[in-house]
């Protein structure tokens, strides 16, 4: 195990931690910084979303339904191959529903994420949501 491997693994997890913090804090600059300009995002909507700016616009619109959110990430399983990596990160996300005060939507899912080192930083190039289930309560 090399120092570079360890540094890459930490940096990959940091991308997903910034992802969660950006959404939950509504820090859209931080959130957008996680994505490559030509990112492809799958399975959040029926059709793929292409491009970091298009994805950010979708996320801002989608979050309009919710008050506070909390995205809790499990340990990440990552495979690094040079400047490319594939990551599997489990997530449990709680969303306060604006239209139903006092009610929550909870999502259990896995993020399947391909990342690439761009300009010395890891960025999400392809991101897929694998839903395990939801519950409104």
N, C-alpha and C. Protein backbone atom coordinates (compact mmCIF):
# COMPACT_ATOMS: atom_id res chain seq x y z
N UNK A 1 0.85 -1.17 0.00
CA UNK A 1 0.00 0.00 0.00
C UNK A 1 0.90 1.24 0.00
N UNK A 2 0.75 2.07 -1.00
CA UNK A 2 1.61 3.25 -1.12
C UNK A 2 0.97 4.47 -0.46
N UNK A 3 1.80 5.47 -0.24
CA UNK A 3 1.29 6.73 0.28
C UNK A 3 0.30 7.36 -0.70
N UNK A 4 0.58 7.22 -2.00
CA UNK A 4 -0.33 7.79 -3.01
C UNK A 4 -1.68 7.10 -2.97
N UNK A 5 -1.68 5.78 -2.82
CA UNK A 5 -2.94 5.03 -2.73
C UNK A 5 -3.77 5.54 -1.55
N UNK A 6 -3.13 5.68 -0.40
CA UNK A 6 -3.82 6.16 0.80
C UNK A 6 -4.34 7.58 0.60
N UNK A 7 -3.53 8.44 0.00
CA UNK A 7 -3.96 9.82 -0.25
C UNK A 7 -5.14 9.85 -1.22
N UNK A 8 -5.10 9.00 -2.24
CA UNK A 8 -6.21 8.95 -3.19
C UNK A 8 -7.49 8.47 -2.52
N UNK A 9 -7.39 7.46 -1.69
CA UNK A 9 -8.59 6.95 -1.01
C UNK A 9 -9.21 8.02 -0.13
N UNK A 10 -8.40 8.78 0.59
CA UNK A 10 -8.92 9.86 1.43
C UNK A 10 -9.56 10.94 0.56
N UNK A 11 -8.89 11.30 -0.52
CA UNK A 11 -9.41 12.34 -1.41
C UNK A 11 -10.72 11.92 -2.06
N UNK A 12 -10.86 10.65 -2.43
CA UNK A 12 -12.12 10.16 -3.02
C UNK A 12 -13.26 10.26 -2.02
N UNK A 13 -13.01 9.86 -0.79
CA UNK A 13 -14.05 9.97 0.24
C UNK A 13 -14.37 11.43 0.51
N UNK A 14 -13.37 12.29 0.48
CA UNK A 14 -13.62 13.71 0.70
C UNK A 14 -14.54 14.29 -0.37
N UNK A 15 -14.44 13.81 -1.61
CA UNK A 15 -15.36 14.29 -2.64
C UNK A 15 -16.80 13.98 -2.23
N UNK A 16 -17.04 12.78 -1.76
CA UNK A 16 -18.41 12.41 -1.38
C UNK A 16 -18.86 13.13 -0.10
N UNK A 17 -17.93 13.40 0.81
CA UNK A 17 -18.28 14.16 2.00
C UNK A 17 -18.64 15.60 1.64
N UNK A 18 -17.90 16.20 0.67
CA UNK A 18 -18.26 17.54 0.18
C UNK A 18 -19.61 17.50 -0.52
N UNK A 19 -19.88 16.44 -1.25
CA UNK A 19 -21.16 16.24 -1.93
C UNK A 19 -22.30 16.32 -0.90
N UNK A 20 -22.19 15.54 0.17
CA UNK A 20 -23.23 15.52 1.19
C UNK A 20 -23.34 16.86 1.92
N UNK A 21 -22.21 17.44 2.28
CA UNK A 21 -22.23 18.73 2.98
C UNK A 21 -22.79 19.81 2.08
N UNK A 22 -22.42 19.80 0.82
CA UNK A 22 -22.93 20.81 -0.12
C UNK A 22 -24.43 20.76 -0.24
N UNK A 23 -25.00 19.57 -0.34
CA UNK A 23 -26.46 19.43 -0.42
C UNK A 23 -27.11 19.88 0.89
N UNK A 24 -26.64 19.34 1.99
CA UNK A 24 -27.29 19.60 3.27
C UNK A 24 -27.17 21.05 3.73
N UNK A 25 -26.05 21.69 3.41
CA UNK A 25 -25.86 23.10 3.78
C UNK A 25 -26.34 24.05 2.70
N UNK A 26 -26.79 23.48 1.57
CA UNK A 26 -27.19 24.27 0.39
C UNK A 26 -26.04 25.18 -0.05
N UNK A 27 -24.84 24.64 0.04
CA UNK A 27 -23.64 25.32 -0.44
C UNK A 27 -23.39 24.80 -1.86
N UNK A 28 -24.02 25.46 -2.82
CA UNK A 28 -24.01 24.95 -4.18
C UNK A 28 -22.67 25.12 -4.88
N UNK A 29 -21.84 26.05 -4.43
CA UNK A 29 -20.50 26.15 -4.97
C UNK A 29 -19.68 24.93 -4.55
N UNK A 30 -19.78 24.56 -3.28
CA UNK A 30 -19.09 23.37 -2.79
C UNK A 30 -19.60 22.13 -3.52
N UNK A 31 -20.91 22.01 -3.64
CA UNK A 31 -21.50 20.86 -4.30
C UNK A 31 -21.04 20.76 -5.75
N UNK A 32 -21.11 21.85 -6.48
CA UNK A 32 -20.73 21.85 -7.89
C UNK A 32 -19.25 21.50 -8.07
N UNK A 33 -18.42 21.85 -7.09
CA UNK A 33 -16.99 21.57 -7.19
C UNK A 33 -16.67 20.08 -7.21
N UNK A 34 -17.64 19.25 -6.86
CA UNK A 34 -17.43 17.80 -6.83
C UNK A 34 -17.48 17.18 -8.22
N UNK A 35 -18.03 17.89 -9.20
CA UNK A 35 -18.36 17.30 -10.49
C UNK A 35 -17.49 17.83 -11.62
N UNK A 36 -17.14 16.94 -12.53
CA UNK A 36 -16.50 17.34 -13.79
C UNK A 36 -17.54 18.09 -14.62
N UNK A 37 -17.07 18.97 -15.48
CA UNK A 37 -17.99 19.73 -16.33
C UNK A 37 -18.84 18.82 -17.21
N UNK A 38 -18.28 17.67 -17.62
CA UNK A 38 -19.00 16.76 -18.52
C UNK A 38 -19.55 15.54 -17.80
N UNK A 39 -19.90 15.68 -16.53
CA UNK A 39 -20.44 14.57 -15.75
C UNK A 39 -21.71 14.01 -16.40
N UNK A 40 -21.91 12.71 -16.21
CA UNK A 40 -23.16 12.05 -16.59
C UNK A 40 -23.79 11.51 -15.31
N UNK A 41 -25.06 11.86 -15.08
CA UNK A 41 -25.75 11.44 -13.86
C UNK A 41 -26.94 10.57 -14.27
N UNK A 42 -27.02 9.39 -13.65
CA UNK A 42 -28.02 8.39 -14.02
C UNK A 42 -28.92 8.02 -12.85
N UNK A 43 -30.16 7.73 -13.17
CA UNK A 43 -31.14 7.10 -12.28
C UNK A 43 -31.68 7.99 -11.16
N UNK A 44 -31.40 9.28 -11.20
CA UNK A 44 -32.10 10.23 -10.34
C UNK A 44 -33.39 10.66 -11.04
N UNK A 45 -33.36 10.63 -12.36
CA UNK A 45 -34.50 10.98 -13.22
C UNK A 45 -34.60 9.89 -14.29
N UNK A 46 -35.73 9.84 -15.00
CA UNK A 46 -35.86 8.81 -16.04
C UNK A 46 -34.77 8.90 -17.12
N UNK A 47 -34.35 10.10 -17.46
CA UNK A 47 -33.31 10.28 -18.46
C UNK A 47 -32.02 10.73 -17.80
N UNK A 48 -30.90 10.38 -18.40
CA UNK A 48 -29.60 10.82 -17.89
C UNK A 48 -29.50 12.34 -17.96
N UNK A 49 -28.76 12.90 -17.03
CA UNK A 49 -28.48 14.34 -17.03
C UNK A 49 -27.00 14.48 -17.38
N UNK A 50 -26.72 15.34 -18.35
CA UNK A 50 -25.35 15.52 -18.83
C UNK A 50 -24.88 16.93 -18.52
N UNK A 51 -23.73 17.02 -17.87
CA UNK A 51 -23.11 18.31 -17.58
C UNK A 51 -23.30 18.75 -16.14
N UNK A 52 -22.24 19.27 -15.57
CA UNK A 52 -22.27 19.71 -14.17
C UNK A 52 -23.27 20.83 -13.92
N UNK A 53 -23.37 21.77 -14.83
CA UNK A 53 -24.31 22.88 -14.63
C UNK A 53 -25.75 22.41 -14.75
N UNK A 54 -26.03 21.50 -15.69
CA UNK A 54 -27.39 20.95 -15.82
C UNK A 54 -27.75 20.14 -14.58
N UNK A 55 -26.80 19.38 -14.05
CA UNK A 55 -27.06 18.61 -12.84
C UNK A 55 -27.33 19.54 -11.65
N UNK A 56 -26.54 20.60 -11.52
CA UNK A 56 -26.74 21.53 -10.42
C UNK A 56 -28.11 22.19 -10.51
N UNK A 57 -28.52 22.57 -11.70
CA UNK A 57 -29.85 23.18 -11.88
C UNK A 57 -30.94 22.20 -11.46
N UNK A 58 -30.80 20.94 -11.83
CA UNK A 58 -31.78 19.93 -11.42
C UNK A 58 -31.83 19.79 -9.90
N UNK A 59 -30.66 19.71 -9.27
CA UNK A 59 -30.59 19.53 -7.81
C UNK A 59 -31.24 20.71 -7.09
N UNK A 60 -30.94 21.92 -7.52
CA UNK A 60 -31.55 23.10 -6.90
C UNK A 60 -33.07 23.04 -6.99
N UNK A 61 -33.58 22.67 -8.15
CA UNK A 61 -35.03 22.56 -8.34
C UNK A 61 -35.61 21.45 -7.45
N UNK A 62 -34.96 20.30 -7.44
CA UNK A 62 -35.46 19.16 -6.66
C UNK A 62 -35.46 19.45 -5.16
N UNK A 63 -34.46 20.17 -4.69
CA UNK A 63 -34.40 20.48 -3.26
C UNK A 63 -35.48 21.46 -2.82
N UNK A 64 -36.12 22.11 -3.78
CA UNK A 64 -37.21 23.03 -3.44
C UNK A 64 -38.36 22.36 -2.71
N UNK A 65 -38.50 21.06 -2.85
CA UNK A 65 -39.57 20.31 -2.17
C UNK A 65 -39.27 20.08 -0.69
N UNK A 66 -38.01 20.30 -0.31
CA UNK A 66 -37.58 19.87 1.01
C UNK A 66 -37.07 21.03 1.85
N UNK A 67 -37.28 20.88 3.16
CA UNK A 67 -36.63 21.74 4.13
C UNK A 67 -35.25 21.13 4.40
N UNK A 68 -34.90 20.97 5.66
CA UNK A 68 -33.60 20.40 6.00
C UNK A 68 -33.43 18.98 5.44
N UNK A 69 -32.20 18.66 5.08
CA UNK A 69 -31.84 17.31 4.66
C UNK A 69 -30.59 16.89 5.41
N UNK A 70 -30.40 15.58 5.51
CA UNK A 70 -29.16 15.05 6.07
C UNK A 70 -28.80 13.79 5.29
N UNK A 71 -27.65 13.82 4.64
CA UNK A 71 -27.13 12.69 3.89
C UNK A 71 -26.02 12.04 4.71
N UNK A 72 -26.25 10.83 5.17
CA UNK A 72 -25.26 10.11 5.97
C UNK A 72 -24.63 9.04 5.10
N UNK A 73 -23.32 9.07 4.98
CA UNK A 73 -22.60 8.17 4.11
C UNK A 73 -21.93 7.05 4.90
N UNK A 74 -21.99 5.85 4.32
CA UNK A 74 -21.28 4.72 4.89
C UNK A 74 -19.85 4.70 4.38
N UNK A 75 -19.05 3.79 4.88
CA UNK A 75 -17.68 3.66 4.38
C UNK A 75 -17.70 3.42 2.87
N UNK A 76 -16.68 3.93 2.22
CA UNK A 76 -16.60 3.86 0.76
C UNK A 76 -15.71 2.70 0.33
N UNK A 77 -16.16 1.97 -0.67
CA UNK A 77 -15.35 0.96 -1.31
C UNK A 77 -14.86 1.56 -2.62
N UNK A 78 -13.56 1.65 -2.80
CA UNK A 78 -13.01 2.33 -3.98
C UNK A 78 -11.91 1.50 -4.62
N UNK A 79 -11.88 1.53 -5.94
CA UNK A 79 -10.83 0.93 -6.72
C UNK A 79 -10.17 2.05 -7.52
N UNK A 80 -8.87 2.21 -7.34
CA UNK A 80 -8.13 3.28 -8.01
C UNK A 80 -7.23 2.66 -9.07
N UNK A 81 -7.30 3.24 -10.27
CA UNK A 81 -6.44 2.82 -11.38
C UNK A 81 -5.86 4.07 -12.02
N UNK A 82 -4.71 4.50 -11.52
CA UNK A 82 -4.08 5.72 -12.03
C UNK A 82 -4.93 6.94 -11.71
N UNK A 83 -5.39 7.63 -12.75
CA UNK A 83 -6.20 8.83 -12.58
C UNK A 83 -7.69 8.56 -12.66
N UNK A 84 -8.08 7.30 -12.57
CA UNK A 84 -9.49 6.91 -12.60
C UNK A 84 -9.81 6.08 -11.38
N UNK A 85 -11.05 6.21 -10.92
CA UNK A 85 -11.47 5.43 -9.76
C UNK A 85 -12.95 5.11 -9.87
N UNK A 86 -13.32 3.98 -9.29
CA UNK A 86 -14.73 3.63 -9.15
C UNK A 86 -15.02 3.51 -7.66
N UNK A 87 -16.09 4.16 -7.23
CA UNK A 87 -16.42 4.19 -5.81
C UNK A 87 -17.86 3.72 -5.59
N UNK A 88 -18.04 3.01 -4.51
CA UNK A 88 -19.37 2.58 -4.07
C UNK A 88 -19.55 3.14 -2.67
N UNK A 89 -20.57 3.99 -2.51
CA UNK A 89 -20.82 4.65 -1.23
C UNK A 89 -22.28 4.49 -0.86
N UNK A 90 -22.56 3.84 0.27
CA UNK A 90 -23.94 3.73 0.74
C UNK A 90 -24.36 5.05 1.37
N UNK A 91 -25.64 5.37 1.20
CA UNK A 91 -26.18 6.62 1.74
C UNK A 91 -27.55 6.37 2.36
N UNK A 92 -27.80 7.03 3.46
CA UNK A 92 -29.14 7.14 4.03
C UNK A 92 -29.41 8.63 4.11
N UNK A 93 -30.46 9.06 3.41
CA UNK A 93 -30.74 10.49 3.31
C UNK A 93 -32.12 10.79 3.88
N UNK A 94 -32.16 11.73 4.80
CA UNK A 94 -33.42 12.18 5.39
C UNK A 94 -33.77 13.54 4.81
N UNK A 95 -35.03 13.69 4.40
CA UNK A 95 -35.51 14.93 3.78
C UNK A 95 -36.80 15.38 4.48
N UNK A 96 -36.79 16.56 5.07
CA UNK A 96 -38.02 17.12 5.64
C UNK A 96 -38.90 17.60 4.49
N UNK A 97 -40.16 17.17 4.49
CA UNK A 97 -41.08 17.53 3.41
C UNK A 97 -41.73 18.87 3.71
N UNK A 98 -41.62 19.81 2.79
CA UNK A 98 -42.22 21.13 2.99
C UNK A 98 -43.74 21.07 2.94
N UNK A 99 -44.28 20.25 2.02
CA UNK A 99 -45.74 20.23 1.83
C UNK A 99 -46.46 19.44 2.91
N UNK A 100 -45.73 18.73 3.74
CA UNK A 100 -46.34 17.93 4.81
C UNK A 100 -45.53 18.16 6.08
N UNK A 101 -45.81 19.27 6.74
CA UNK A 101 -45.03 19.66 7.91
C UNK A 101 -44.95 18.52 8.92
N UNK A 102 -43.74 18.30 9.39
CA UNK A 102 -43.52 17.24 10.38
C UNK A 102 -43.31 15.87 9.76
N UNK A 103 -43.36 15.78 8.45
CA UNK A 103 -43.15 14.49 7.79
C UNK A 103 -41.80 14.47 7.09
N UNK A 104 -41.27 13.26 6.96
CA UNK A 104 -39.95 13.05 6.39
C UNK A 104 -40.00 12.00 5.30
N UNK A 105 -39.08 12.13 4.37
CA UNK A 105 -38.83 11.11 3.37
C UNK A 105 -37.42 10.59 3.63
N UNK A 106 -37.29 9.29 3.80
CA UNK A 106 -35.99 8.69 4.00
C UNK A 106 -35.68 7.80 2.81
N UNK A 107 -34.47 7.94 2.29
CA UNK A 107 -33.98 7.16 1.16
C UNK A 107 -32.81 6.31 1.63
N UNK A 108 -32.83 5.04 1.26
CA UNK A 108 -31.69 4.15 1.44
C UNK A 108 -31.18 3.84 0.05
N UNK A 109 -29.90 4.06 -0.19
CA UNK A 109 -29.39 3.90 -1.55
C UNK A 109 -27.88 3.67 -1.54
N UNK A 110 -27.38 3.42 -2.73
CA UNK A 110 -25.95 3.32 -2.98
C UNK A 110 -25.61 4.26 -4.12
N UNK A 111 -24.55 5.03 -3.95
CA UNK A 111 -24.02 5.83 -5.04
C UNK A 111 -22.92 5.00 -5.71
N UNK A 112 -23.07 4.76 -7.00
CA UNK A 112 -22.03 4.14 -7.82
C UNK A 112 -21.40 5.29 -8.61
N UNK A 113 -20.16 5.59 -8.34
CA UNK A 113 -19.55 6.82 -8.83
C UNK A 113 -18.20 6.54 -9.48
N UNK A 114 -18.04 7.00 -10.71
CA UNK A 114 -16.74 6.97 -11.37
C UNK A 114 -16.13 8.36 -11.22
N UNK A 115 -14.89 8.40 -10.78
CA UNK A 115 -14.19 9.67 -10.62
C UNK A 115 -12.93 9.68 -11.46
N UNK A 116 -12.50 10.89 -11.77
CA UNK A 116 -11.27 11.07 -12.54
C UNK A 116 -10.48 12.22 -11.91
N UNK A 117 -9.16 12.06 -11.91
CA UNK A 117 -8.30 13.13 -11.43
C UNK A 117 -8.18 14.15 -12.56
N UNK A 118 -8.67 15.36 -12.31
CA UNK A 118 -8.67 16.44 -13.30
C UNK A 118 -7.98 17.64 -12.67
N UNK A 119 -6.92 18.11 -13.30
CA UNK A 119 -6.18 19.23 -12.74
C UNK A 119 -5.69 18.96 -11.33
N UNK A 120 -5.35 17.69 -11.05
CA UNK A 120 -4.84 17.33 -9.73
C UNK A 120 -5.90 17.06 -8.68
N UNK A 121 -7.18 17.20 -9.03
CA UNK A 121 -8.27 16.97 -8.07
C UNK A 121 -9.21 15.89 -8.58
N UNK A 122 -9.73 15.08 -7.68
CA UNK A 122 -10.71 14.08 -8.05
C UNK A 122 -12.06 14.74 -8.28
N UNK A 123 -12.70 14.39 -9.39
CA UNK A 123 -14.02 14.91 -9.76
C UNK A 123 -14.92 13.75 -10.17
N UNK A 124 -16.19 13.90 -9.93
CA UNK A 124 -17.17 12.90 -10.34
C UNK A 124 -17.41 13.02 -11.84
N UNK A 125 -17.19 11.92 -12.57
CA UNK A 125 -17.40 11.88 -14.02
C UNK A 125 -18.72 11.19 -14.37
N UNK A 126 -19.08 10.19 -13.59
CA UNK A 126 -20.33 9.45 -13.80
C UNK A 126 -20.88 9.09 -12.43
N UNK A 127 -22.16 9.36 -12.24
CA UNK A 127 -22.76 9.19 -10.91
C UNK A 127 -24.11 8.52 -11.08
N UNK A 128 -24.32 7.45 -10.33
CA UNK A 128 -25.55 6.68 -10.46
C UNK A 128 -26.14 6.42 -9.08
N UNK A 129 -27.44 6.60 -8.98
CA UNK A 129 -28.17 6.30 -7.75
C UNK A 129 -28.80 4.92 -7.88
N UNK A 130 -28.47 4.02 -6.96
CA UNK A 130 -29.11 2.73 -6.89
C UNK A 130 -29.98 2.73 -5.64
N UNK A 131 -31.27 2.94 -5.85
CA UNK A 131 -32.20 3.05 -4.71
C UNK A 131 -32.42 1.69 -4.09
N UNK A 132 -32.37 1.65 -2.78
CA UNK A 132 -32.67 0.41 -2.02
C UNK A 132 -34.06 0.48 -1.41
N UNK A 133 -34.62 1.70 -1.35
CA UNK A 133 -35.97 1.87 -0.83
C UNK A 133 -36.17 3.26 -0.26
N UNK A 134 -37.43 3.63 -0.10
CA UNK A 134 -37.79 4.91 0.50
C UNK A 134 -38.95 4.69 1.46
N UNK A 135 -39.07 5.60 2.39
CA UNK A 135 -40.19 5.58 3.31
C UNK A 135 -40.56 7.00 3.67
N UNK A 136 -41.85 7.31 3.57
CA UNK A 136 -42.34 8.60 4.05
C UNK A 136 -42.99 8.35 5.39
N UNK A 137 -42.63 9.19 6.35
CA UNK A 137 -43.16 9.02 7.70
C UNK A 137 -43.36 10.35 8.37
